[in-house]
N, C-alpha and C. Protein backbone atom coordinates (compact mmCIF):
# COMPACT_ATOMS: atom_id res chain seq x y z
N UNK A 1 0.80 -1.43 -0.10
CA UNK A 1 -0.26 0.21 0.02
C UNK A 1 0.70 1.10 -0.25
N UNK A 2 0.48 2.54 -0.59
CA UNK A 2 1.02 3.61 -0.97
C UNK A 2 1.04 4.23 0.84
N UNK A 3 2.42 5.04 1.22
CA UNK A 3 2.35 5.62 2.37
C UNK A 3 1.42 6.87 2.19
N UNK A 4 0.88 7.02 3.13
CA UNK A 4 -0.41 8.11 3.09
C UNK A 4 0.38 10.03 3.05
N UNK A 5 -0.81 10.73 2.90
CA UNK A 5 -0.53 12.38 2.86
C UNK A 5 -1.53 12.37 4.03
N UNK A 6 -1.28 12.82 5.39
CA UNK A 6 -2.16 13.36 6.19
C UNK A 6 -2.51 14.69 6.45
N UNK A 7 -3.92 14.89 6.02
CA UNK A 7 -4.35 16.45 5.99
C UNK A 7 -5.21 16.76 7.73
N UNK A 8 -4.33 17.53 7.82
CA UNK A 8 -4.52 18.53 9.41
C UNK A 8 -4.99 19.89 9.26
N UNK A 9 -6.82 19.58 9.20
CA UNK A 9 -7.31 20.40 9.28
C UNK A 9 -8.36 20.56 8.06
N UNK A 10 -8.67 19.64 7.89
CA UNK A 10 -9.57 18.99 7.00
C UNK A 10 -10.99 19.57 7.06
N UNK A 11 -11.62 19.77 5.58
CA UNK A 11 -12.84 20.38 5.80
C UNK A 11 -13.80 20.30 4.68
N UNK A 12 -14.93 20.20 5.19
CA UNK A 12 -15.93 19.59 4.02
C UNK A 12 -16.54 20.51 3.25
N UNK A 13 -15.99 21.75 3.44
CA UNK A 13 -16.67 23.26 2.69
C UNK A 13 -15.70 23.34 1.50
N UNK A 14 -16.00 23.10 -0.01
CA UNK A 14 -15.26 23.58 -1.08
C UNK A 14 -14.65 24.24 -1.14
N UNK A 15 -14.58 25.50 -0.64
CA UNK A 15 -14.54 27.02 -0.78
C UNK A 15 -12.94 26.66 0.20
N UNK A 16 -12.83 25.59 1.19
CA UNK A 16 -11.52 25.46 1.56
C UNK A 16 -10.23 24.83 1.08
N UNK A 17 -9.12 25.32 1.08
CA UNK A 17 -8.11 24.64 0.48
C UNK A 17 -7.59 23.21 1.01
N UNK A 18 -7.45 23.24 2.15
CA UNK A 18 -7.65 22.07 2.91
C UNK A 18 -9.12 20.86 1.95
N UNK A 19 -10.45 21.35 1.55
CA UNK A 19 -10.62 20.56 0.70
C UNK A 19 -10.05 20.04 -0.85
N UNK A 20 -9.51 21.29 -1.51
CA UNK A 20 -9.19 21.69 -2.41
C UNK A 20 -8.17 20.71 -2.67
N UNK A 21 -7.32 20.45 -1.56
CA UNK A 21 -6.20 19.53 -1.29
C UNK A 21 -6.50 18.49 -1.76
N UNK A 22 -7.50 17.93 -0.71
CA UNK A 22 -7.52 16.34 -0.94
C UNK A 22 -7.66 15.89 -2.03
N UNK A 23 -8.52 17.16 -2.56
CA UNK A 23 -9.64 16.38 -3.86
C UNK A 23 -8.28 16.23 -4.88
N UNK A 24 -7.34 17.37 -4.77
CA UNK A 24 -5.97 17.36 -5.79
C UNK A 24 -5.07 16.25 -5.35
N UNK A 25 -5.26 16.07 -3.73
CA UNK A 25 -4.55 14.76 -4.23
C UNK A 25 -4.93 13.45 -4.20
N UNK A 26 -5.85 12.86 -4.39
CA UNK A 26 -6.64 12.11 -4.74
C UNK A 26 -6.74 11.70 -6.30
N UNK A 27 -6.54 13.17 -6.53
CA UNK A 27 -6.93 13.12 -8.76
C UNK A 27 -5.73 13.03 -8.72
N UNK A 28 -4.44 13.31 -7.76
CA UNK A 28 -2.94 12.90 -8.47
C UNK A 28 -2.86 11.21 -7.79
N UNK A 29 -3.41 10.99 -7.87
CA UNK A 29 -3.51 9.35 -6.87
C UNK A 29 -2.83 9.03 -5.55
N UNK A 30 -2.65 10.01 -4.90
CA UNK A 30 -2.48 10.11 -3.45
C UNK A 30 -3.55 9.50 -2.57
N UNK A 31 -2.95 8.72 -1.29
CA UNK A 31 -3.62 8.00 -0.82
C UNK A 31 -3.41 9.00 0.39
N UNK A 32 -4.70 9.43 0.56
CA UNK A 32 -4.74 10.36 1.96
C UNK A 32 -5.97 9.94 3.09
N UNK A 33 -4.90 10.43 4.64
CA UNK A 33 -5.73 10.29 6.12
C UNK A 33 -6.20 12.03 5.90
N UNK A 34 -7.45 11.96 6.57
CA UNK A 34 -7.77 13.44 7.21
C UNK A 34 -7.69 13.67 8.54
N UNK A 35 -7.94 14.77 9.27
CA UNK A 35 -8.07 15.12 10.88
C UNK A 35 -8.83 16.37 10.44
N UNK A 36 -10.10 16.47 11.63
CA UNK A 36 -11.11 17.80 11.42
C UNK A 36 -11.32 17.66 13.54
N UNK A 37 -11.51 18.82 13.09
CA UNK A 37 -12.26 19.21 14.65
C UNK A 37 -13.84 18.49 14.81
N UNK A 38 -14.21 18.25 13.11
CA UNK A 38 -16.00 17.95 13.07
C UNK A 38 -16.11 16.84 12.37
N UNK A 39 -16.31 16.16 12.50
CA UNK A 39 -16.91 14.67 11.44
C UNK A 39 -17.23 15.00 10.09
N UNK A 40 -16.63 14.60 9.24
CA UNK A 40 -17.10 14.59 8.16
C UNK A 40 -16.50 13.66 6.89
N UNK A 41 -16.27 13.94 5.43
CA UNK A 41 -15.94 13.11 4.83
C UNK A 41 -15.82 13.94 3.22
N UNK A 42 -15.14 13.57 2.42
CA UNK A 42 -14.54 14.43 0.79
C UNK A 42 -13.88 12.72 0.45
N UNK A 43 -14.99 12.77 -0.73
CA UNK A 43 -14.31 11.87 -1.52
C UNK A 43 -14.21 10.37 -1.28
N UNK A 44 -14.61 10.12 -0.33
CA UNK A 44 -14.50 8.76 0.59
C UNK A 44 -13.51 8.85 2.15
N UNK A 45 -12.85 9.86 1.59
CA UNK A 45 -11.97 10.47 3.03
C UNK A 45 -12.30 10.89 3.86
N UNK A 46 -12.48 9.47 5.13
CA UNK A 46 -13.34 10.27 6.08
C UNK A 46 -12.45 10.97 7.54
N UNK A 47 -12.74 11.69 7.75
CA UNK A 47 -12.17 12.86 8.91
C UNK A 47 -11.77 11.74 9.99
N UNK A 48 -11.02 12.05 10.65
CA UNK A 48 -10.66 11.29 11.97
C UNK A 48 -10.66 12.55 13.41
N UNK A 49 -11.45 12.02 14.20
CA UNK A 49 -11.84 13.33 15.00
C UNK A 49 -10.56 13.73 16.04
N UNK A 50 -10.44 12.54 15.96
CA UNK A 50 -8.68 12.36 17.31
C UNK A 50 -7.44 11.77 16.90
N UNK A 51 -6.62 11.89 17.21
CA UNK A 51 -5.65 11.98 17.16
C UNK A 51 -4.65 9.97 16.64
N UNK A 52 -4.97 9.71 15.59
CA UNK A 52 -4.68 8.15 15.68
C UNK A 52 -3.08 8.28 15.19
N UNK A 53 -2.55 7.01 15.78
CA UNK A 53 -1.74 6.69 15.46
C UNK A 53 -1.12 5.93 14.38
N UNK A 54 -0.95 6.81 12.75
CA UNK A 54 -0.83 5.92 11.57
C UNK A 54 0.52 5.94 12.04
N UNK A 55 0.66 4.48 11.07
CA UNK A 55 2.10 4.08 10.58
C UNK A 55 2.96 4.25 9.51
N UNK A 56 2.09 4.36 9.06
CA UNK A 56 2.25 5.05 6.90
C UNK A 56 2.09 6.21 6.74
N UNK A 57 2.59 7.41 7.73
CA UNK A 57 2.32 8.79 6.75
C UNK A 57 3.34 9.20 5.91
N UNK A 58 3.94 9.56 5.06
CA UNK A 58 4.99 10.24 4.27
C UNK A 58 4.79 11.74 4.40
N UNK A 59 3.70 12.06 4.07
CA UNK A 59 3.76 13.84 4.08
C UNK A 59 2.21 14.37 4.67
N UNK A 60 2.64 15.39 6.20
CA UNK A 60 1.47 15.74 7.02
C UNK A 60 1.73 17.57 6.34
N UNK A 61 0.23 17.73 5.63
CA UNK A 61 0.34 18.88 4.96
C UNK A 61 -0.89 20.14 6.10
N UNK A 62 -0.77 20.76 6.53
CA UNK A 62 -0.79 21.71 7.63
C UNK A 62 -2.22 22.51 6.98
N UNK A 63 -3.06 22.60 7.50
CA UNK A 63 -3.93 23.66 6.94
C UNK A 63 -4.46 24.47 8.44
N UNK A 64 -3.73 24.43 9.33
CA UNK A 64 -4.67 24.77 10.99
C UNK A 64 -3.83 26.06 11.13
N UNK A 65 -4.07 27.42 11.83
CA UNK A 65 -3.07 28.48 11.95
C UNK A 65 -2.34 27.75 13.17
N UNK A 66 -1.20 29.18 12.78
CA UNK A 66 -0.17 28.51 14.36
C UNK A 66 -0.72 28.07 15.51
N UNK A 67 -1.66 29.53 16.19
CA UNK A 67 -1.88 29.08 17.54
C UNK A 67 -2.98 28.40 18.05
N UNK A 68 -3.32 27.37 17.15
CA UNK A 68 -3.39 26.05 16.78
C UNK A 68 -2.85 24.93 16.80
N UNK A 69 -1.60 24.73 16.97
CA UNK A 69 -0.78 23.80 16.20
C UNK A 69 -0.48 23.03 17.31
N UNK A 70 0.10 24.16 18.53
CA UNK A 70 1.15 23.31 19.35
C UNK A 70 0.21 21.75 20.45
N UNK A 71 -0.73 21.92 19.67
CA UNK A 71 -1.43 20.41 20.41
C UNK A 71 -0.59 19.09 19.22
N UNK A 72 -0.08 19.51 18.10
CA UNK A 72 -0.09 18.63 17.00
C UNK A 72 1.16 18.39 17.29
N UNK A 73 2.18 19.26 18.02
CA UNK A 73 3.79 18.65 17.72
C UNK A 73 4.54 17.85 17.69
N UNK A 74 4.21 17.19 19.34
CA UNK A 74 4.49 15.55 19.35
C UNK A 74 3.59 14.92 18.55
N UNK A 75 2.43 15.06 18.49
CA UNK A 75 1.89 13.88 17.68
C UNK A 75 2.59 14.15 16.44
N UNK A 76 2.75 14.87 15.09
CA UNK A 76 2.80 14.54 13.69
C UNK A 76 4.05 14.26 14.35
N UNK A 77 5.24 14.47 15.41
CA UNK A 77 6.71 14.08 15.15
C UNK A 77 6.70 12.77 15.59
N UNK A 78 5.76 12.23 16.41
CA UNK A 78 5.22 10.77 16.52
C UNK A 78 4.90 10.01 15.10
N UNK A 79 4.76 10.40 14.45
CA UNK A 79 3.77 9.50 13.21
C UNK A 79 5.27 9.37 12.26
N UNK A 80 6.52 10.05 12.21
CA UNK A 80 7.62 9.79 12.07
C UNK A 80 7.51 10.05 10.08
N UNK A 81 6.56 11.44 10.10
CA UNK A 81 6.59 11.35 8.35
C UNK A 81 7.79 12.51 8.20
N UNK A 82 8.09 11.99 6.63
CA UNK A 82 9.38 12.61 6.36
C UNK A 82 9.17 13.69 5.76
N UNK A 83 7.74 14.76 5.98
CA UNK A 83 8.07 15.84 5.80
C UNK A 83 6.84 16.45 6.17
N UNK A 84 6.90 17.74 6.16
CA UNK A 84 5.58 18.29 6.89
C UNK A 84 5.65 19.87 6.05
N UNK A 85 4.57 19.71 5.16
CA UNK A 85 4.40 21.13 4.05
C UNK A 85 3.22 21.87 4.98
N UNK A 86 3.82 22.99 5.24
CA UNK A 86 3.34 24.08 5.78
C UNK A 86 2.16 24.95 4.85
N UNK A 87 1.70 25.49 4.62
CA UNK A 87 1.12 25.52 3.66
C UNK A 87 0.53 27.29 4.17
N UNK A 88 0.48 28.46 2.98
CA UNK A 88 0.55 29.94 3.39
C UNK A 88 -0.42 29.86 4.31
N UNK A 89 0.04 31.16 5.03
CA UNK A 89 -0.95 31.17 6.57
C UNK A 89 -0.55 30.30 7.48
N UNK A 90 0.35 28.97 7.52
CA UNK A 90 0.15 28.03 9.06
C UNK A 90 1.83 28.32 9.73
N UNK A 91 2.79 28.74 9.02
CA UNK A 91 4.22 29.24 9.20
C UNK A 91 4.16 29.08 10.46
N UNK A 92 5.37 28.22 11.67
CA UNK A 92 5.05 28.24 12.35
C UNK A 92 7.30 27.95 12.69
N UNK A 93 8.06 28.96 13.02
CA UNK A 93 9.46 28.62 13.18
C UNK A 93 9.18 27.45 14.29
N UNK A 94 8.93 27.84 15.23
CA UNK A 94 8.44 27.04 16.61
C UNK A 94 8.72 24.99 16.48
N UNK A 95 8.31 24.99 15.36
CA UNK A 95 7.20 23.62 14.89
C UNK A 95 7.82 23.21 14.16
N UNK A 96 8.94 23.79 13.10
CA UNK A 96 9.80 23.87 11.85
C UNK A 96 11.15 23.25 12.61
N UNK A 97 11.55 23.95 13.81
CA UNK A 97 12.97 23.73 14.98
C UNK A 97 12.21 22.55 15.40
N UNK A 98 11.22 22.05 16.04
CA UNK A 98 10.94 20.40 15.87
C UNK A 98 11.31 19.94 15.01
N UNK A 99 10.92 19.72 14.14
CA UNK A 99 10.57 18.88 12.97
C UNK A 99 12.23 18.92 12.83
N UNK A 100 12.53 19.64 12.57
CA UNK A 100 14.47 19.16 12.25
C UNK A 100 14.80 18.86 13.30
N UNK A 101 14.92 19.05 13.99
CA UNK A 101 15.69 18.30 15.19
C UNK A 101 15.38 16.70 15.23
N UNK A 102 14.28 16.42 15.07
CA UNK A 102 13.39 15.13 14.66
C UNK A 102 14.08 15.03 13.53
N UNK A 103 14.60 15.12 12.54
CA UNK A 103 15.08 14.27 11.33
C UNK A 103 13.81 14.19 10.39
N UNK A 104 12.80 15.71 10.30
CA UNK A 104 11.52 15.96 9.21
C UNK A 104 11.37 16.61 8.92
N UNK A 105 12.17 16.83 7.47
CA UNK A 105 12.03 17.51 6.47
C UNK A 105 10.86 18.94 6.51
N UNK A 106 11.24 20.67 6.17
CA UNK A 106 9.77 21.71 6.51
C UNK A 106 9.70 21.79 5.19
N UNK A 107 8.84 22.01 4.19
CA UNK A 107 8.25 23.15 3.98
C UNK A 107 7.55 23.95 3.79
N UNK A 108 8.21 25.19 3.67
CA UNK A 108 6.96 26.33 3.07
C UNK A 108 6.13 26.27 2.29
N UNK A 109 5.20 26.23 1.64
CA UNK A 109 4.55 25.69 -0.01
C UNK A 109 3.70 25.49 0.50
N UNK A 110 2.36 26.17 -0.87
CA UNK A 110 1.44 25.45 -0.65
C UNK A 110 1.15 23.56 -1.91
N UNK A 111 0.49 23.32 -1.14
CA UNK A 111 0.38 21.80 -1.66
C UNK A 111 -0.53 21.44 -3.06
N UNK A 112 -1.68 22.38 -3.58
CA UNK A 112 -2.34 22.89 -3.82
C UNK A 112 -0.72 23.35 -5.45
N UNK A 113 -0.10 23.97 -5.59
CA UNK A 113 0.57 24.11 -6.28
C UNK A 113 1.85 23.56 -6.74
N UNK A 114 2.12 22.30 -5.50
CA UNK A 114 3.60 21.25 -5.67
C UNK A 114 2.86 20.20 -6.50
N UNK A 115 1.00 20.06 -6.32
CA UNK A 115 0.73 18.95 -7.24
C UNK A 115 0.47 19.61 -8.69
N UNK A 116 0.34 20.83 -9.04
CA UNK A 116 -0.43 21.38 -9.67
C UNK A 116 0.91 21.22 -10.82
N UNK A 117 1.79 21.66 -10.37
CA UNK A 117 3.72 21.38 -11.25
C UNK A 117 4.07 20.11 -11.18
N UNK A 118 3.51 19.40 -10.46
CA UNK A 118 4.12 17.78 -9.82
C UNK A 118 5.13 17.45 -9.45
N UNK A 119 5.14 18.00 -8.06
CA UNK A 119 6.45 18.43 -7.11
C UNK A 119 5.73 17.46 -6.36
N UNK A 120 5.59 16.42 -6.57
CA UNK A 120 5.20 15.33 -5.44
C UNK A 120 5.96 15.53 -3.78
C-alpha cells in the first residue's frame, strides 16, 4: 500500500483549501488520511476527530493556524513523516525547529501548487 498524506485541518467546505487539497491529492493518485475537529468526509476520505497513531504517513500537510498547532507538535513527530508542508498562513518557526530536530523535512509551500506542478 502507498504511504499516505495526512491533511490536518480538513474541511467539507469546497471553498476551503484543505478540501481542495484532498480533492487534488486524490486526483493525483495519492492516498489520503485527514484530521478535523468535526466529523466529515470528502470523496471517501473520512475525517478522524482524534489523533490516531498511523504508521504509514509520508507527508503531513498543515491547514491550521499557528496558534492552534502546539497540540499537534508531539503527535506529528510521533508519526515519523518524511516531511511536513506548511501551507500559506500556517508558518510556524517553533514547529519547524522541533521537526528538524527530529530529522523531519519542513517545506513552506502550497500543496495545491506542488501538485499542479508535479512536485510530489
